[in-house]
Structures are given as C-alpha cells and as structure tokens.
C-alpha cells in the first residue's frame, strides 16, 4: 500500500487466449466483480503459495504431554456409544 493506505495501481497489458479471456469476463461479470479484482486475488494467492510452501519445510517441535482423564477412561465403551448413536 502507498501513503495513507492508498494502493498504488499499475496498468499492464498481457496477451491471453481470446476464448479464455471471454469466458473469464463472463464469469467475473456474473459474479458482479471486476477482472482486476479477481486477477489481484489470484496473484496474491499465487504468491502466498510460496510463503506456505516455505512454512511447510520448517520443522516445528513436536511436544506430546500426557493428560489425566477427567472421567472414566474406557475408550472402548465410548467408541461403542458413538457407534450406537451414529446412523452409519
């Protein structure tokens, strides 16, 4: 963003398949959006994918701590109850 929260805009030209662009314009119009808004969203998501890919490479420490049950700790019985309640 630029000064005062105002975004600087960049006008650009790109070459696309005409039929593809026509389908895109129709879909965007049907959604009540602008092509610029949709393209900006797509570009942001494209760039964020790199950020998330980098985060996935980081190894977070895995800490598992045992907890004491607050009530009866019969997992078999609880699973049986859940199966009885389920319509599956």
PDB file of N, CA and C in Angstrom:
ATOM      1  N   UNK A   1       0.838  -1.183   0.000  1.00  0.00           N
ATOM      2  CA  UNK A   1       0.000   0.000   0.000  1.00  0.00           C
ATOM      3  C   UNK A   1       0.877   1.238   0.000  1.00  0.00           C
ATOM      4  N   UNK A   2       0.370   2.256  -0.593  1.00  0.00           N
ATOM      5  CA  UNK A   2       1.084   3.518  -0.617  1.00  0.00           C
ATOM      6  C   UNK A   2       0.782   4.349   0.615  1.00  0.00           C
ATOM      7  N   UNK A   3       1.080   5.628   0.544  1.00  0.00           N
ATOM      8  CA  UNK A   3       0.840   6.536   1.669  1.00  0.00           C
ATOM      9  C   UNK A   3      -0.637   6.634   2.006  1.00  0.00           C
ATOM     10  N   UNK A   4      -0.913   6.717   3.295  1.00  0.00           N
ATOM     11  CA  UNK A   4      -2.292   6.905   3.735  1.00  0.00           C
ATOM     12  C   UNK A   4      -3.199   5.733   3.413  1.00  0.00           C
ATOM     13  N   UNK A   5      -2.644   4.551   3.201  1.00  0.00           N
ATOM     14  CA  UNK A   5      -3.443   3.372   2.914  1.00  0.00           C
ATOM     15  C   UNK A   5      -3.960   3.308   1.490  1.00  0.00           C
ATOM     16  N   UNK A   6      -3.527   4.236   0.643  1.00  0.00           N
ATOM     17  CA  UNK A   6      -3.971   4.244  -0.747  1.00  0.00           C
ATOM     18  C   UNK A   6      -3.049   3.341  -1.550  1.00  0.00           C
ATOM     19  N   UNK A   7      -3.640   2.421  -2.253  1.00  0.00           N
ATOM     20  CA  UNK A   7      -2.877   1.472  -3.048  1.00  0.00           C
ATOM     21  C   UNK A   7      -2.410   2.118  -4.346  1.00  0.00           C
ATOM     22  N   UNK A   8      -1.158   1.918  -4.685  1.00  0.00           N
ATOM     23  CA  UNK A   8      -0.676   2.368  -5.991  1.00  0.00           C
ATOM     24  C   UNK A   8      -1.129   1.342  -7.016  1.00  0.00           C
ATOM     25  N   UNK A   9      -1.555   1.803  -8.158  1.00  0.00           N
ATOM     26  CA  UNK A   9      -2.060   0.925  -9.211  1.00  0.00           C
ATOM     27  C   UNK A   9      -1.041   0.853 -10.335  1.00  0.00           C
ATOM     28  N   UNK A  10      -0.946  -0.274 -10.991  1.00  0.00           N
ATOM     29  CA  UNK A  10      -0.048  -0.488 -12.121  1.00  0.00           C
ATOM     30  C   UNK A  10      -0.891  -0.988 -13.284  1.00  0.00           C
ATOM     31  N   UNK A  11      -0.918  -0.223 -14.337  1.00  0.00           N
ATOM     32  CA  UNK A  11      -1.637  -0.647 -15.539  1.00  0.00           C
ATOM     33  C   UNK A  11      -0.674  -1.488 -16.369  1.00  0.00           C
ATOM     34  N   UNK A  12      -1.167  -2.617 -16.863  1.00  0.00           N
ATOM     35  CA  UNK A  12      -0.308  -3.515 -17.635  1.00  0.00           C
ATOM     36  C   UNK A  12      -1.094  -4.145 -18.771  1.00  0.00           C
ATOM     37  N   UNK A  13      -0.380  -4.694 -19.708  1.00  0.00           N
ATOM     38  CA  UNK A  13      -1.007  -5.413 -20.826  1.00  0.00           C
ATOM     39  C   UNK A  13      -0.481  -6.836 -20.825  1.00  0.00           C
ATOM     40  N   UNK A  14      -1.379  -7.764 -21.085  1.00  0.00           N
ATOM     41  CA  UNK A  14      -0.985  -9.167 -21.196  1.00  0.00           C
ATOM     42  C   UNK A  14      -1.666  -9.764 -22.419  1.00  0.00           C
ATOM     43  N   UNK A  15      -1.092 -10.801 -22.945  1.00  0.00           N
ATOM     44  CA  UNK A  15      -1.689 -11.498 -24.085  1.00  0.00           C
ATOM     45  C   UNK A  15      -2.228 -12.833 -23.601  1.00  0.00           C
ATOM     46  N   UNK A  16      -3.519 -13.053 -23.865  1.00  0.00           N
ATOM     47  CA  UNK A  16      -4.182 -14.287 -23.444  1.00  0.00           C
ATOM     48  C   UNK A  16      -4.968 -14.865 -24.605  1.00  0.00           C
ATOM     49  N   UNK A  17      -5.294 -16.123 -24.500  1.00  0.00           N
ATOM     50  CA  UNK A  17      -6.174 -16.770 -25.464  1.00  0.00           C
ATOM     51  C   UNK A  17      -7.514 -16.037 -25.433  1.00  0.00           C
ATOM     52  N   UNK A  18      -7.999 -15.610 -26.577  1.00  0.00           N
ATOM     53  CA  UNK A  18      -9.212 -14.794 -26.662  1.00  0.00           C
ATOM     54  C   UNK A  18     -10.429 -15.508 -26.080  1.00  0.00           C
ATOM     55  N   UNK A  19     -10.587 -16.784 -26.380  1.00  0.00           N
ATOM     56  CA  UNK A  19     -11.742 -17.530 -25.879  1.00  0.00           C
ATOM     57  C   UNK A  19     -11.666 -17.671 -24.352  1.00  0.00           C
ATOM     58  N   UNK A  20     -10.477 -17.881 -23.843  1.00  0.00           N
ATOM     59  CA  UNK A  20     -10.285 -17.991 -22.401  1.00  0.00           C
ATOM     60  C   UNK A  20     -10.655 -16.681 -21.713  1.00  0.00           C
ATOM     61  N   UNK A  21     -10.193 -15.559 -22.266  1.00  0.00           N
ATOM     62  CA  UNK A  21     -10.490 -14.249 -21.687  1.00  0.00           C
ATOM     63  C   UNK A  21     -11.996 -13.971 -21.725  1.00  0.00           C
ATOM     64  N   UNK A  22     -12.643 -14.341 -22.807  1.00  0.00           N
ATOM     65  CA  UNK A  22     -14.082 -14.113 -22.933  1.00  0.00           C
ATOM     66  C   UNK A  22     -14.847 -14.886 -21.861  1.00  0.00           C
ATOM     67  N   UNK A  23     -14.479 -16.143 -21.644  1.00  0.00           N
ATOM     68  CA  UNK A  23     -15.123 -16.951 -20.595  1.00  0.00           C
ATOM     69  C   UNK A  23     -14.877 -16.333 -19.223  1.00  0.00           C
ATOM     70  N   UNK A  24     -13.648 -15.876 -19.001  1.00  0.00           N
ATOM     71  CA  UNK A  24     -13.284 -15.247 -17.731  1.00  0.00           C
ATOM     72  C   UNK A  24     -14.127 -13.996 -17.493  1.00  0.00           C
ATOM     73  N   UNK A  25     -14.228 -13.137 -18.502  1.00  0.00           N
ATOM     74  CA  UNK A  25     -15.005 -11.898 -18.365  1.00  0.00           C
ATOM     75  C   UNK A  25     -16.471 -12.185 -18.050  1.00  0.00           C
ATOM     76  N   UNK A  26     -17.053 -13.188 -18.700  1.00  0.00           N
ATOM     77  CA  UNK A  26     -18.452 -13.539 -18.449  1.00  0.00           C
ATOM     78  C   UNK A  26     -18.646 -14.023 -17.016  1.00  0.00           C
ATOM     79  N   UNK A  27     -17.739 -14.859 -16.555  1.00  0.00           N
ATOM     80  CA  UNK A  27     -17.840 -15.395 -15.197  1.00  0.00           C
ATOM     81  C   UNK A  27     -17.682 -14.281 -14.170  1.00  0.00           C
ATOM     82  N   UNK A  28     -16.700 -13.421 -14.375  1.00  0.00           N
ATOM     83  CA  UNK A  28     -16.454 -12.301 -13.462  1.00  0.00           C
ATOM     84  C   UNK A  28     -17.684 -11.390 -13.413  1.00  0.00           C
ATOM     85  N   UNK A  29     -18.250 -11.069 -14.574  1.00  0.00           N
ATOM     86  CA  UNK A  29     -19.424 -10.195 -14.628  1.00  0.00           C
ATOM     87  C   UNK A  29     -20.613 -10.841 -13.925  1.00  0.00           C
ATOM     88  N   UNK A  30     -20.792 -12.137 -14.118  1.00  0.00           N
ATOM     89  CA  UNK A  30     -21.903 -12.845 -13.481  1.00  0.00           C
ATOM     90  C   UNK A  30     -21.777 -12.816 -11.960  1.00  0.00           C
ATOM     91  N   UNK A  31     -20.557 -12.743 -11.463  1.00  0.00           N
ATOM     92  CA  UNK A  31     -20.313 -12.679 -10.018  1.00  0.00           C
ATOM     93  C   UNK A  31     -20.369 -11.246  -9.495  1.00  0.00           C
ATOM     94  N   UNK A  32     -20.509 -10.274 -10.409  1.00  0.00           N
ATOM     95  CA  UNK A  32     -20.559  -8.873 -10.004  1.00  0.00           C
ATOM     96  C   UNK A  32     -19.210  -8.342  -9.545  1.00  0.00           C
ATOM     97  N   UNK A  33     -18.151  -8.910 -10.068  1.00  0.00           N
ATOM     98  CA  UNK A  33     -16.799  -8.489  -9.701  1.00  0.00           C
ATOM     99  C   UNK A  33     -16.119  -7.868 -10.913  1.00  0.00           C
ATOM    100  N   UNK A  34     -14.918  -7.355 -10.695  1.00  0.00           N
ATOM    101  CA  UNK A  34     -14.145  -6.828 -11.817  1.00  0.00           C
ATOM    102  C   UNK A  34     -13.011  -7.794 -12.121  1.00  0.00           C
ATOM    103  N   UNK A  35     -12.574  -7.771 -13.363  1.00  0.00           N
ATOM    104  CA  UNK A  35     -11.452  -8.615 -13.763  1.00  0.00           C
ATOM    105  C   UNK A  35     -10.218  -8.255 -12.945  1.00  0.00           C
ATOM    106  N   UNK A  36      -9.994  -6.972 -12.710  1.00  0.00           N
ATOM    107  CA  UNK A  36      -8.827  -6.536 -11.938  1.00  0.00           C
ATOM    108  C   UNK A  36      -8.851  -7.109 -10.528  1.00  0.00           C
ATOM    109  N   UNK A  37     -10.014  -7.062  -9.877  1.00  0.00           N
ATOM    110  CA  UNK A  37     -10.117  -7.579  -8.507  1.00  0.00           C
ATOM    111  C   UNK A  37      -9.831  -9.072  -8.465  1.00  0.00           C
ATOM    112  N   UNK A  38     -10.373  -9.821  -9.421  1.00  0.00           N
ATOM    113  CA  UNK A  38     -10.163 -11.270  -9.445  1.00  0.00           C
ATOM    114  C   UNK A  38      -8.702 -11.589  -9.747  1.00  0.00           C
ATOM    115  N   UNK A  39      -8.114 -10.878 -10.701  1.00  0.00           N
ATOM    116  CA  UNK A  39      -6.709 -11.125 -11.030  1.00  0.00           C
ATOM    117  C   UNK A  39      -5.788 -10.786  -9.855  1.00  0.00           C
ATOM    118  N   UNK A  40      -6.080  -9.694  -9.144  1.00  0.00           N
ATOM    119  CA  UNK A  40      -5.273  -9.359  -7.967  1.00  0.00           C
ATOM    120  C   UNK A  40      -5.364 -10.466  -6.916  1.00  0.00           C
ATOM    121  N   UNK A  41      -6.571 -10.983  -6.708  1.00  0.00           N
ATOM    122  CA  UNK A  41      -6.757 -12.076  -5.748  1.00  0.00           C
ATOM    123  C   UNK A  41      -5.965 -13.313  -6.177  1.00  0.00           C
ATOM    124  N   UNK A  42      -6.039 -13.642  -7.446  1.00  0.00           N
ATOM    125  CA  UNK A  42      -5.305 -14.803  -7.956  1.00  0.00           C
ATOM    126  C   UNK A  42      -3.796 -14.624  -7.794  1.00  0.00           C
ATOM    127  N   UNK A  43      -3.302 -13.426  -8.069  1.00  0.00           N
ATOM    128  CA  UNK A  43      -1.868 -13.153  -7.940  1.00  0.00           C
ATOM    129  C   UNK A  43      -1.443 -13.240  -6.476  1.00  0.00           C
ATOM    130  N   UNK A  44      -2.238 -12.659  -5.575  1.00  0.00           N
ATOM    131  CA  UNK A  44      -1.920 -12.753  -4.143  1.00  0.00           C
ATOM    132  C   UNK A  44      -1.854 -14.212  -3.698  1.00  0.00           C
ATOM    133  N   UNK A  45      -2.843 -15.010  -4.096  1.00  0.00           N
ATOM    134  CA  UNK A  45      -2.861 -16.432  -3.725  1.00  0.00           C
ATOM    135  C   UNK A  45      -1.662 -17.165  -4.307  1.00  0.00           C
ATOM    136  N   UNK A  46      -1.300 -16.816  -5.517  1.00  0.00           N
ATOM    137  CA  UNK A  46      -0.140 -17.431  -6.171  1.00  0.00           C
ATOM    138  C   UNK A  46       1.130 -17.136  -5.379  1.00  0.00           C
ATOM    139  N   UNK A  47       1.278 -15.893  -4.940  1.00  0.00           N
ATOM    140  CA  UNK A  47       2.460 -15.505  -4.167  1.00  0.00           C
ATOM    141  C   UNK A  47       2.430 -16.093  -2.765  1.00  0.00           C
ATOM    142  N   UNK A  48       1.246 -16.199  -2.166  1.00  0.00           N
ATOM    143  CA  UNK A  48       1.134 -16.796  -0.836  1.00  0.00           C
ATOM    144  C   UNK A  48       1.498 -18.270  -0.843  1.00  0.00           C
ATOM    145  N   UNK A  49       1.284 -18.925  -1.961  1.00  0.00           N
ATOM    146  CA  UNK A  49       1.624 -20.351  -2.053  1.00  0.00           C
ATOM    147  C   UNK A  49       3.104 -20.569  -1.766  1.00  0.00           C
ATOM    148  N   UNK A  50       3.959 -19.652  -2.217  1.00  0.00           N
ATOM    149  CA  UNK A  50       5.388 -19.754  -1.925  1.00  0.00           C
ATOM    150  C   UNK A  50       5.646 -19.615  -0.431  1.00  0.00           C
ATOM    151  N   UNK A  51       4.954 -18.696   0.206  1.00  0.00           N
ATOM    152  CA  UNK A  51       5.121 -18.492   1.641  1.00  0.00           C
ATOM    153  C   UNK A  51       4.725 -19.739   2.406  1.00  0.00           C
ATOM    154  N   UNK A  52       3.578 -20.310   2.070  1.00  0.00           N
ATOM    155  CA  UNK A  52       3.120 -21.505   2.770  1.00  0.00           C
ATOM    156  C   UNK A  52       4.009 -22.704   2.483  1.00  0.00           C
ATOM    157  N   UNK A  53       4.535 -22.786   1.276  1.00  0.00           N
ATOM    158  CA  UNK A  53       5.444 -23.889   0.944  1.00  0.00           C
ATOM    159  C   UNK A  53       6.687 -23.803   1.827  1.00  0.00           C
ATOM    160  N   UNK A  54       7.181 -22.590   2.053  1.00  0.00           N
ATOM    161  CA  UNK A  54       8.339 -22.405   2.921  1.00  0.00           C
ATOM    162  C   UNK A  54       8.040 -22.784   4.359  1.00  0.00           C
ATOM    163  N   UNK A  55       6.833 -22.482   4.818  1.00  0.00           N
ATOM    164  CA  UNK A  55       6.458 -22.835   6.182  1.00  0.00           C
ATOM    165  C   UNK A  55       6.362 -24.339   6.363  1.00  0.00           C
ATOM    166  N   UNK A  56       5.915 -25.031   5.334  1.00  0.00           N
ATOM    167  CA  UNK A  56       5.776 -26.484   5.418  1.00  0.00           C
ATOM    168  C   UNK A  56       7.132 -27.159   5.544  1.00  0.00           C
ATOM    169  N   UNK A  57       8.185 -26.518   5.053  1.00  0.00           N
ATOM    170  CA  UNK A  57       9.522 -27.095   5.135  1.00  0.00           C
ATOM    171  C   UNK A  57      10.113 -26.991   6.536  1.00  0.00           C
ATOM    172  N   UNK A  58       9.613 -26.039   7.329  1.00  0.00           N
ATOM    173  CA  UNK A  58      10.141 -25.858   8.678  1.00  0.00           C
ATOM    174  C   UNK A  58       9.645 -26.977   9.584  1.00  0.00           C
ATOM    175  N   UNK A  59      10.521 -27.432  10.446  1.00  0.00           N
ATOM    176  CA  UNK A  59      10.168 -28.491  11.385  1.00  0.00           C
ATOM    177  C   UNK A  59       9.781 -27.861  12.719  1.00  0.00           C
ATOM    178  N   UNK A  60       8.532 -27.996  13.065  1.00  0.00           N
ATOM    179  CA  UNK A  60       8.067 -27.497  14.349  1.00  0.00           C
ATOM    180  C   UNK A  60       8.335 -28.569  15.404  1.00  0.00           C
ATOM    181  N   UNK A  61       8.726 -28.160  16.589  1.00  0.00           N
ATOM    182  CA  UNK A  61       8.961 -29.158  17.628  1.00  0.00           C
ATOM    183  C   UNK A  61       7.650 -29.843  18.010  1.00  0.00           C
ATOM    184  N   UNK A  62       7.698 -31.141  18.111  1.00  0.00           N
ATOM    185  CA  UNK A  62       6.520 -31.914  18.476  1.00  0.00           C
ATOM    186  C   UNK A  62       6.607 -32.230  19.959  1.00  0.00           C
ATOM    187  N   UNK A  63       5.676 -31.698  20.701  1.00  0.00           N
ATOM    188  CA  UNK A  63       5.656 -31.926  22.143  1.00  0.00           C
ATOM    189  C   UNK A  63       4.346 -32.609  22.478  1.00  0.00           C
ATOM    190  N   UNK A  64       4.434 -33.795  23.027  1.00  0.00           N
ATOM    191  CA  UNK A  64       3.252 -34.535  23.437  1.00  0.00           C
ATOM    192  C   UNK A  64       3.326 -34.717  24.941  1.00  0.00           C
ATOM    193  N   UNK A  65       2.315 -34.231  25.626  1.00  0.00           N
ATOM    194  CA  UNK A  65       2.273 -34.351  27.083  1.00  0.00           C
ATOM    195  C   UNK A  65       1.070 -35.197  27.472  1.00  0.00           C
ATOM    196  N   UNK A  66       1.267 -36.149  28.346  1.00  0.00           N
ATOM    197  CA  UNK A  66       0.123 -36.959  28.785  1.00  0.00           C
ATOM    198  C   UNK A  66      -0.835 -36.122  29.628  1.00  0.00           C
ATOM    199  N   UNK A  67      -2.087 -36.433  29.538  1.00  0.00           N
ATOM    200  CA  UNK A  67      -3.096 -35.766  30.351  1.00  0.00           C
ATOM    201  C   UNK A  67      -3.856 -36.809  31.153  1.00  0.00           C
ATOM    202  N   UNK A  68      -4.337 -36.394  32.295  1.00  0.00           N
ATOM    203  CA  UNK A  68      -5.144 -37.298  33.120  1.00  0.00           C
ATOM    204  C   UNK A  68      -6.598 -37.148  32.702  1.00  0.00           C
ATOM    205  N   UNK A  69      -7.300 -38.246  32.538  1.00  0.00           N
ATOM    206  CA  UNK A  69      -8.716 -38.155  32.164  1.00  0.00           C
ATOM    207  C   UNK A  69      -9.527 -37.522  33.290  1.00  0.00           C
ATOM    208  N   UNK A  70     -10.573 -36.795  32.917  1.00  0.00           N
ATOM    209  CA  UNK A  70     -11.424 -36.153  33.913  1.00  0.00           C
ATOM    210  C   UNK A  70     -12.567 -37.055  34.349  1.00  0.00           C
ATOM    211  N   UNK A  71     -12.766 -38.125  33.642  1.00  0.00           N
ATOM    212  CA  UNK A  71     -13.842 -39.058  33.973  1.00  0.00           C
ATOM    213  C   UNK A  71     -13.375 -40.471  33.681  1.00  0.00           C
ATOM    214  N   UNK A  72     -14.340 -41.370  33.536  1.00  0.00           N
ATOM    215  CA  UNK A  72     -13.968 -42.756  33.201  1.00  0.00           C
ATOM    216  C   UNK A  72     -13.171 -42.781  31.898  1.00  0.00           C
ATOM    217  N   UNK A  73     -12.165 -43.613  31.868  1.00  0.00           N
ATOM    218  CA  UNK A  73     -11.266 -43.630  30.716  1.00  0.00           C
ATOM    219  C   UNK A  73     -11.360 -44.935  29.943  1.00  0.00           C
ATOM    220  N   UNK A  74     -12.569 -45.375  29.655  1.00  0.00           N
ATOM    221  CA  UNK A  74     -12.746 -46.605  28.886  1.00  0.00           C
ATOM    222  C   UNK A  74     -13.056 -46.220  27.441  1.00  0.00           C
ATOM    223  N   UNK A  75     -12.020 -46.147  26.614  1.00  0.00           N
ATOM    224  CA  UNK A  75     -12.186 -45.722  25.225  1.00  0.00           C
ATOM    225  C   UNK A  75     -13.089 -46.674  24.460  1.00  0.00           C
ATOM    226  N   UNK A  76     -12.984 -47.955  24.729  1.00  0.00           N
ATOM    227  CA  UNK A  76     -13.812 -48.932  24.039  1.00  0.00           C
ATOM    228  C   UNK A  76     -15.284 -48.671  24.247  1.00  0.00           C
ATOM    229  N   UNK A  77     -15.655 -48.375  25.489  1.00  0.00           N
ATOM    230  CA  UNK A  77     -17.054 -48.090  25.787  1.00  0.00           C
ATOM    231  C   UNK A  77     -17.519 -46.814  25.097  1.00  0.00           C
ATOM    232  N   UNK A  78     -16.671 -45.783  25.083  1.00  0.00           N
ATOM    233  CA  UNK A  78     -17.022 -44.534  24.430  1.00  0.00           C
ATOM    234  C   UNK A  78     -17.201 -44.720  22.926  1.00  0.00           C
ATOM    235  N   UNK A  79     -16.335 -45.491  22.304  1.00  0.00           N
ATOM    236  CA  UNK A  79     -16.462 -45.778  20.873  1.00  0.00           C
ATOM    237  C   UNK A  79     -17.752 -46.537  20.611  1.00  0.00           C
ATOM    238  N   UNK A  80     -18.072 -47.506  21.468  1.00  0.00           N
ATOM    239  CA  UNK A  80     -19.302 -48.282  21.307  1.00  0.00           C
ATOM    240  C   UNK A  80     -20.515 -47.355  21.368  1.00  0.00           C
ATOM    241  N   UNK A  81     -20.532 -46.402  22.335  1.00  0.00           N
ATOM    242  CA  UNK A  81     -21.633 -45.455  22.464  1.00  0.00           C
ATOM    243  C   UNK A  81     -21.769 -44.594  21.205  1.00  0.00           C
ATOM    244  N   UNK A  82     -20.620 -44.138  20.698  1.00  0.00           N
ATOM    245  CA  UNK A  82     -20.658 -43.293  19.500  1.00  0.00           C
ATOM    246  C   UNK A  82     -21.192 -44.070  18.316  1.00  0.00           C
ATOM    247  N   UNK A  83     -20.822 -45.322  18.205  1.00  0.00           N
ATOM    248  CA  UNK A  83     -21.337 -46.149  17.085  1.00  0.00           C
ATOM    249  C   UNK A  83     -22.826 -46.362  17.197  1.00  0.00           C
ATOM    250  N   UNK A  84     -23.317 -46.515  18.421  1.00  0.00           N
ATOM    251  CA  UNK A  84     -24.763 -46.717  18.627  1.00  0.00           C
ATOM    252  C   UNK A  84     -25.537 -45.463  18.272  1.00  0.00           C
ATOM    253  N   UNK A  85     -24.947 -44.300  18.548  1.00  0.00           N
ATOM    254  CA  UNK A  85     -25.616 -43.026  18.267  1.00  0.00           C
ATOM    255  C   UNK A  85     -25.582 -42.681  16.786  1.00  0.00           C
ATOM    256  N   UNK A  86     -24.596 -43.225  16.082  1.00  0.00           N
ATOM    257  CA  UNK A  86     -24.402 -42.901  14.676  1.00  0.00           C
ATOM    258  C   UNK A  86     -25.394 -43.682  13.823  1.00  0.00           C
ATOM    259  N   UNK A  87     -25.797 -43.075  12.722  1.00  0.00           N
ATOM    260  CA  UNK A  87     -26.712 -43.759  11.802  1.00  0.00           C
ATOM    261  C   UNK A  87     -25.957 -44.522  10.734  1.00  0.00           C
ATOM    262  N   UNK A  88     -24.643 -44.543  10.850  1.00  0.00           N
ATOM    263  CA  UNK A  88     -23.810 -45.214   9.844  1.00  0.00           C
ATOM    264  C   UNK A  88     -23.760 -46.696  10.123  1.00  0.00           C
TER     265      UNK A  88
END
